[in-house]
Amino acid sequence: MSEKTEQMNKTEPPKKGRWLIEYGPLILFFVVNYAAGILFATAALVAATIIALGISWALDRHIPMMTLLGGIAVTFFGGLTWVMDDPFYIKIKPTVISLLIAIILSGGLLIKRNPLKAMLGAKLQLSDTGWRQVTWMWAAMFATSALANELAWRNLSDDGWVTFKLFGLTGISVVFALLTMPIMSKHSTVNDTAD
């Protein structure tokens, strides 16, 4: 094993049970929605997100930037939902955040910067062409998610939208992840830099 690989293994936090930290608040949102309605589900989502961020910090002494920003967005839009007594705000959160990320990724590439590489470059080794293609793919994923969410919240009941949020948006992410894998495989530089 190379020294670099050994160092990466030492600094990587254990991943067992991390899915619960990541998806637990969303699953709770889904369950509480069907038991008590979207307003109580939103309160549960905000509380569970804050708890998940706290657990992540306690385990790793680190919260990934995207996770932190997602938590801030959930708290902000969830708070507006409760203050205004209107689920509109929690429903538009995926649209606003996804569109913002798509614009940042696309805009970065257009000005010859790659925000995705800046965030993930230490964990993912790709050629410059690979980074550009993956970033465009992710920008397309976020734009697709924003459009799909817009259509969903405008045309579905509260329960229908919550179901879409859990399964539809997750499904879009999975499809784009699968589409991204061949690009990452083709443009990986891991073999080029191995000892």
C-alpha atoms as a PDB file:
ATOM      1  CA  MET A   1       0.000   0.000   0.000  1.00  0.00           C
ATOM      2  CA  SER A   2       1.380   3.428  -0.912  1.00  0.00           C
ATOM      3  CA  GLU A   3       2.004   6.112   1.693  1.00  0.00           C
ATOM      4  CA  LYS A   4      -0.729   8.278   0.121  1.00  0.00           C
ATOM      5  CA  THR A   5      -3.284   5.450   0.372  1.00  0.00           C
ATOM      6  CA  GLU A   6      -2.327   4.791   3.997  1.00  0.00           C
ATOM      7  CA  GLN A   7      -2.736   8.488   4.806  1.00  0.00           C
ATOM      8  CA  MET A   8      -6.164   8.607   3.100  1.00  0.00           C
ATOM      9  CA  ASN A   9      -7.291   5.539   5.075  1.00  0.00           C
ATOM     10  CA  LYS A  10      -6.217   7.173   8.344  1.00  0.00           C
ATOM     11  CA  THR A  11      -8.071  10.423   7.659  1.00  0.00           C
ATOM     12  CA  GLU A  12     -11.262   8.889   6.261  1.00  0.00           C
ATOM     13  CA  PRO A  13     -13.973   8.613   8.923  1.00  0.00           C
ATOM     14  CA  PRO A  14     -15.775   5.285   9.194  1.00  0.00           C
ATOM     15  CA  LYS A  15     -18.811   5.143   6.904  1.00  0.00           C
ATOM     16  CA  LYS A  16     -20.899   2.532   8.743  1.00  0.00           C
ATOM     17  CA  GLY A  17     -24.322   3.964   9.559  1.00  0.00           C
ATOM     18  CA  ARG A  18     -23.681   7.236   7.698  1.00  0.00           C
ATOM     19  CA  TRP A  19     -26.687   6.631   5.480  1.00  0.00           C
ATOM     20  CA  LEU A  20     -28.886   7.136   8.537  1.00  0.00           C
ATOM     21  CA  ILE A  21     -27.323  10.531   9.223  1.00  0.00           C
ATOM     22  CA  GLU A  22     -27.785  11.505   5.569  1.00  0.00           C
ATOM     23  CA  TYR A  23     -31.241  10.056   4.871  1.00  0.00           C
ATOM     24  CA  GLY A  24     -32.753   9.746   8.351  1.00  0.00           C
ATOM     25  CA  PRO A  25     -34.237  13.275   8.376  1.00  0.00           C
ATOM     26  CA  LEU A  26     -35.796  12.757   4.933  1.00  0.00           C
ATOM     27  CA  ILE A  27     -37.266   9.379   5.899  1.00  0.00           C
ATOM     28  CA  LEU A  28     -38.643  10.925   9.103  1.00  0.00           C
ATOM     29  CA  PHE A  29     -40.150  13.757   7.029  1.00  0.00           C
ATOM     30  CA  PHE A  30     -41.925  11.169   4.869  1.00  0.00           C
ATOM     31  CA  VAL A  31     -43.264   9.175   7.849  1.00  0.00           C
ATOM     32  CA  VAL A  32     -44.391  12.194   9.915  1.00  0.00           C
ATOM     33  CA  ASN A  33     -46.084  13.726   6.883  1.00  0.00           C
ATOM     34  CA  TYR A  34     -48.376  10.731   6.526  1.00  0.00           C
ATOM     35  CA  ALA A  35     -49.003  10.592  10.278  1.00  0.00           C
ATOM     36  CA  ALA A  36     -49.511  14.284  11.082  1.00  0.00           C
ATOM     37  CA  GLY A  37     -49.298  16.413   7.915  1.00  0.00           C
ATOM     38  CA  ILE A  38     -46.694  18.467   6.131  1.00  0.00           C
ATOM     39  CA  LEU A  39     -46.282  21.205   8.769  1.00  0.00           C
ATOM     40  CA  PHE A  40     -45.384  18.739  11.527  1.00  0.00           C
ATOM     41  CA  ALA A  41     -43.263  16.810   9.040  1.00  0.00           C
ATOM     42  CA  THR A  42     -41.367  20.008   8.279  1.00  0.00           C
ATOM     43  CA  ALA A  43     -40.719  20.597  11.991  1.00  0.00           C
ATOM     44  CA  ALA A  44     -39.504  17.007  12.312  1.00  0.00           C
ATOM     45  CA  LEU A  45     -37.253  17.470   9.251  1.00  0.00           C
ATOM     46  CA  VAL A  46     -35.660  20.604  10.686  1.00  0.00           C
ATOM     47  CA  ALA A  47     -35.133  19.034  14.129  1.00  0.00           C
ATOM     48  CA  ALA A  48     -33.762  15.785  12.681  1.00  0.00           C
ATOM     49  CA  THR A  49     -31.440  17.699  10.352  1.00  0.00           C
ATOM     50  CA  ILE A  50     -30.004  19.712  13.231  1.00  0.00           C
ATOM     51  CA  ILE A  51     -29.556  16.516  15.269  1.00  0.00           C
ATOM     52  CA  ALA A  52     -27.895  14.775  12.293  1.00  0.00           C
ATOM     53  CA  LEU A  53     -25.482  17.694  11.869  1.00  0.00           C
ATOM     54  CA  GLY A  54     -24.684  17.482  15.580  1.00  0.00           C
ATOM     55  CA  ILE A  55     -24.045  13.742  15.365  1.00  0.00           C
ATOM     56  CA  SER A  56     -21.853  14.238  12.306  1.00  0.00           C
ATOM     57  CA  TRP A  57     -19.839  16.839  14.206  1.00  0.00           C
ATOM     58  CA  ALA A  58     -19.580  14.633  17.307  1.00  0.00           C
ATOM     59  CA  LEU A  59     -18.340  11.654  15.270  1.00  0.00           C
ATOM     60  CA  ASP A  60     -15.950  13.426  12.910  1.00  0.00           C
ATOM     61  CA  ARG A  61     -15.341  16.908  14.321  1.00  0.00           C
ATOM     62  CA  HIS A  62     -16.186  17.986  10.787  1.00  0.00           C
ATOM     63  CA  ILE A  63     -19.327  18.693   8.785  1.00  0.00           C
ATOM     64  CA  PRO A  64     -18.949  18.580   4.997  1.00  0.00           C
ATOM     65  CA  MET A  65     -19.695  21.964   3.405  1.00  0.00           C
ATOM     66  CA  MET A  66     -22.570  20.700   1.226  1.00  0.00           C
ATOM     67  CA  THR A  67     -24.151  18.964   4.223  1.00  0.00           C
ATOM     68  CA  LEU A  68     -23.879  22.123   6.296  1.00  0.00           C
ATOM     69  CA  LEU A  69     -25.338  24.301   3.537  1.00  0.00           C
ATOM     70  CA  GLY A  70     -28.150  21.777   3.055  1.00  0.00           C
ATOM     71  CA  GLY A  71     -28.883  21.912   6.785  1.00  0.00           C
ATOM     72  CA  ILE A  72     -28.971  25.706   6.727  1.00  0.00           C
ATOM     73  CA  ALA A  73     -31.351  25.631   3.740  1.00  0.00           C
ATOM     74  CA  VAL A  74     -33.667  23.107   5.445  1.00  0.00           C
ATOM     75  CA  THR A  75     -33.710  25.223   8.600  1.00  0.00           C
ATOM     76  CA  PHE A  76     -34.341  28.452   6.671  1.00  0.00           C
ATOM     77  CA  PHE A  77     -37.113  27.141   4.391  1.00  0.00           C
ATOM     78  CA  GLY A  78     -38.558  24.966   7.157  1.00  0.00           C
ATOM     79  CA  GLY A  79     -38.641  27.982   9.469  1.00  0.00           C
ATOM     80  CA  LEU A  80     -40.437  30.031   6.831  1.00  0.00           C
ATOM     81  CA  THR A  81     -42.932  27.198   6.404  1.00  0.00           C
ATOM     82  CA  TRP A  82     -43.749  27.287  10.117  1.00  0.00           C
ATOM     83  CA  VAL A  83     -43.733  31.081  10.526  1.00  0.00           C
ATOM     84  CA  MET A  84     -45.926  31.618   7.460  1.00  0.00           C
ATOM     85  CA  ASP A  85     -47.999  28.473   8.127  1.00  0.00           C
ATOM     86  CA  ASP A  86     -47.585  27.624   4.448  1.00  0.00           C
ATOM     87  CA  PRO A  87     -45.896  24.521   2.959  1.00  0.00           C
ATOM     88  CA  PHE A  88     -45.026  26.528  -0.166  1.00  0.00           C
ATOM     89  CA  TYR A  89     -41.624  27.375   1.327  1.00  0.00           C
ATOM     90  CA  ILE A  90     -40.478  23.829   2.065  1.00  0.00           C
ATOM     91  CA  LYS A  91     -41.779  22.762  -1.350  1.00  0.00           C
ATOM     92  CA  ILE A  92     -39.693  25.333  -3.232  1.00  0.00           C
ATOM     93  CA  LYS A  93     -36.499  24.572  -1.305  1.00  0.00           C
ATOM     94  CA  PRO A  94     -35.383  21.796  -3.693  1.00  0.00           C
ATOM     95  CA  THR A  95     -36.067  24.051  -6.681  1.00  0.00           C
ATOM     96  CA  VAL A  96     -34.179  27.027  -5.286  1.00  0.00           C
ATOM     97  CA  ILE A  97     -31.199  25.061  -3.970  1.00  0.00           C
ATOM     98  CA  SER A  98     -30.908  22.781  -7.027  1.00  0.00           C
ATOM     99  CA  LEU A  99     -31.138  25.710  -9.423  1.00  0.00           C
ATOM    100  CA  LEU A 100     -28.555  27.659  -7.423  1.00  0.00           C
ATOM    101  CA  ILE A 101     -26.122  24.720  -7.501  1.00  0.00           C
ATOM    102  CA  ALA A 102     -26.697  24.188 -11.251  1.00  0.00           C
ATOM    103  CA  ILE A 103     -25.941  27.886 -11.876  1.00  0.00           C
ATOM    104  CA  ILE A 104     -22.806  27.813  -9.703  1.00  0.00           C
ATOM    105  CA  LEU A 105     -21.479  24.678 -11.431  1.00  0.00           C
ATOM    106  CA  SER A 106     -22.269  25.935 -14.940  1.00  0.00           C
ATOM    107  CA  GLY A 107     -21.080  29.451 -14.238  1.00  0.00           C
ATOM    108  CA  GLY A 108     -17.843  28.154 -12.781  1.00  0.00           C
ATOM    109  CA  LEU A 109     -17.133  26.192 -15.935  1.00  0.00           C
ATOM    110  CA  LEU A 110     -18.015  29.152 -18.145  1.00  0.00           C
ATOM    111  CA  ILE A 111     -15.424  31.325 -16.368  1.00  0.00           C
ATOM    112  CA  LYS A 112     -12.846  28.504 -16.550  1.00  0.00           C
ATOM    113  CA  ARG A 113     -13.173  27.494 -12.900  1.00  0.00           C
ATOM    114  CA  ASN A 114     -14.452  24.192 -11.599  1.00  0.00           C
ATOM    115  CA  PRO A 115     -16.193  24.438  -8.233  1.00  0.00           C
ATOM    116  CA  LEU A 116     -16.848  20.687  -8.162  1.00  0.00           C
ATOM    117  CA  LYS A 117     -13.138  19.925  -8.566  1.00  0.00           C
ATOM    118  CA  ALA A 118     -12.360  22.466  -5.847  1.00  0.00           C
ATOM    119  CA  MET A 119     -14.711  20.653  -3.467  1.00  0.00           C
ATOM    120  CA  LEU A 120     -14.002  17.024  -4.401  1.00  0.00           C
ATOM    121  CA  GLY A 121     -10.523  17.135  -5.924  1.00  0.00           C
ATOM    122  CA  ALA A 122      -8.908  15.599  -2.852  1.00  0.00           C
ATOM    123  CA  LYS A 123     -11.262  12.610  -2.923  1.00  0.00           C
ATOM    124  CA  LEU A 124     -11.724  12.069  -6.654  1.00  0.00           C
ATOM    125  CA  GLN A 125      -8.884  12.038  -9.154  1.00  0.00           C
ATOM    126  CA  LEU A 126      -9.956  12.870 -12.707  1.00  0.00           C
ATOM    127  CA  SER A 127      -8.390  14.445 -15.764  1.00  0.00           C
ATOM    128  CA  ASP A 128      -9.436  18.015 -16.541  1.00  0.00           C
ATOM    129  CA  THR A 129     -11.724  16.687 -19.296  1.00  0.00           C
ATOM    130  CA  GLY A 130     -13.278  14.268 -16.810  1.00  0.00           C
ATOM    131  CA  TRP A 131     -13.874  17.058 -14.296  1.00  0.00           C
ATOM    132  CA  ARG A 132     -15.554  19.200 -16.971  1.00  0.00           C
ATOM    133  CA  GLN A 133     -17.806  16.351 -18.115  1.00  0.00           C
ATOM    134  CA  VAL A 134     -18.738  15.311 -14.562  1.00  0.00           C
ATOM    135  CA  THR A 135     -19.447  18.924 -13.613  1.00  0.00           C
ATOM    136  CA  TRP A 136     -21.713  19.434 -16.656  1.00  0.00           C
ATOM    137  CA  MET A 137     -23.476  16.156 -15.782  1.00  0.00           C
ATOM    138  CA  TRP A 138     -24.019  17.306 -12.205  1.00  0.00           C
ATOM    139  CA  ALA A 139     -25.212  20.723 -13.381  1.00  0.00           C
ATOM    140  CA  ALA A 140     -27.715  18.915 -15.628  1.00  0.00           C
ATOM    141  CA  MET A 141     -28.789  16.731 -12.692  1.00  0.00           C
ATOM    142  CA  PHE A 142     -29.449  19.743 -10.470  1.00  0.00           C
ATOM    143  CA  ALA A 143     -31.286  21.584 -13.265  1.00  0.00           C
ATOM    144  CA  THR A 144     -33.396  18.470 -13.912  1.00  0.00           C
ATOM    145  CA  SER A 145     -34.145  18.160 -10.196  1.00  0.00           C
ATOM    146  CA  ALA A 146     -35.188  21.821 -10.035  1.00  0.00           C
ATOM    147  CA  LEU A 147     -37.516  21.453 -13.021  1.00  0.00           C
ATOM    148  CA  ALA A 148     -38.968  18.164 -11.763  1.00  0.00           C
ATOM    149  CA  ASN A 149     -39.600  19.647  -8.315  1.00  0.00           C
ATOM    150  CA  GLU A 150     -41.292  22.683  -9.833  1.00  0.00           C
ATOM    151  CA  LEU A 151     -43.638  20.436 -11.786  1.00  0.00           C
ATOM    152  CA  ALA A 152     -44.254  18.193  -8.774  1.00  0.00           C
ATOM    153  CA  TRP A 153     -45.089  20.811  -6.151  1.00  0.00           C
ATOM    154  CA  ARG A 154     -47.355  22.689  -8.560  1.00  0.00           C
ATOM    155  CA  ASN A 155     -49.299  19.598  -9.663  1.00  0.00           C
ATOM    156  CA  LEU A 156     -49.298  17.152  -6.743  1.00  0.00           C
ATOM    157  CA  SER A 157     -51.032  17.139  -3.372  1.00  0.00           C
ATOM    158  CA  ASP A 158     -48.891  17.651  -0.275  1.00  0.00           C
ATOM    159  CA  ASP A 159     -48.671  13.881   0.213  1.00  0.00           C
ATOM    160  CA  GLY A 160     -47.848  13.369  -3.459  1.00  0.00           C
ATOM    161  CA  TRP A 161     -45.088  15.971  -3.321  1.00  0.00           C
ATOM    162  CA  VAL A 162     -43.563  14.463  -0.159  1.00  0.00           C
ATOM    163  CA  THR A 163     -43.508  11.062  -1.873  1.00  0.00           C
ATOM    164  CA  PHE A 164     -41.902  12.657  -4.936  1.00  0.00           C
ATOM    165  CA  LYS A 165     -39.313  14.389  -2.741  1.00  0.00           C
ATOM    166  CA  LEU A 166     -38.244  11.091  -1.195  1.00  0.00           C
ATOM    167  CA  PHE A 167     -38.419   8.806  -4.211  1.00  0.00           C
ATOM    168  CA  GLY A 168     -38.445  11.088  -7.280  1.00  0.00           C
ATOM    169  CA  LEU A 169     -35.555  13.378  -6.384  1.00  0.00           C
ATOM    170  CA  THR A 170     -33.568  10.431  -5.055  1.00  0.00           C
ATOM    171  CA  GLY A 171     -34.295   8.554  -8.281  1.00  0.00           C
ATOM    172  CA  ILE A 172     -33.047  11.460 -10.384  1.00  0.00           C
ATOM    173  CA  SER A 173     -29.820  11.492  -8.358  1.00  0.00           C
ATOM    174  CA  VAL A 174     -29.350   7.740  -8.800  1.00  0.00           C
ATOM    175  CA  VAL A 175     -29.913   7.930 -12.578  1.00  0.00           C
ATOM    176  CA  PHE A 176     -27.390  10.750 -12.954  1.00  0.00           C
ATOM    177  CA  ALA A 177     -24.907   8.946 -10.673  1.00  0.00           C
ATOM    178  CA  LEU A 178     -25.149   5.913 -12.955  1.00  0.00           C
ATOM    179  CA  LEU A 179     -24.650   8.140 -16.016  1.00  0.00           C
ATOM    180  CA  THR A 180     -21.612   9.731 -14.364  1.00  0.00           C
ATOM    181  CA  MET A 181     -19.859   6.458 -13.506  1.00  0.00           C
ATOM    182  CA  PRO A 182     -18.591   5.696 -17.039  1.00  0.00           C
ATOM    183  CA  ILE A 183     -17.196   9.243 -17.314  1.00  0.00           C
ATOM    184  CA  MET A 184     -15.397   8.877 -13.991  1.00  0.00           C
ATOM    185  CA  SER A 185     -14.055   5.469 -14.976  1.00  0.00           C
ATOM    186  CA  LYS A 186     -12.825   6.690 -18.363  1.00  0.00           C
ATOM    187  CA  HIS A 187     -11.168   9.845 -17.008  1.00  0.00           C
ATOM    188  CA  SER A 188      -9.807   8.554 -13.708  1.00  0.00           C
ATOM    189  CA  THR A 189      -6.168   9.444 -13.093  1.00  0.00           C
ATOM    190  CA  VAL A 190      -5.716   7.016 -10.187  1.00  0.00           C
ATOM    191  CA  ASN A 191      -3.785   4.538 -12.363  1.00  0.00           C
ATOM    192  CA  ASP A 192      -1.662   7.358 -13.784  1.00  0.00           C
ATOM    193  CA  THR A 193      -0.508   8.486 -10.325  1.00  0.00           C
ATOM    194  CA  ALA A 194      -0.197   5.107  -8.573  1.00  0.00           C
ATOM    195  CA  ASP A 195       3.269   4.028  -7.374  1.00  0.00           C
END
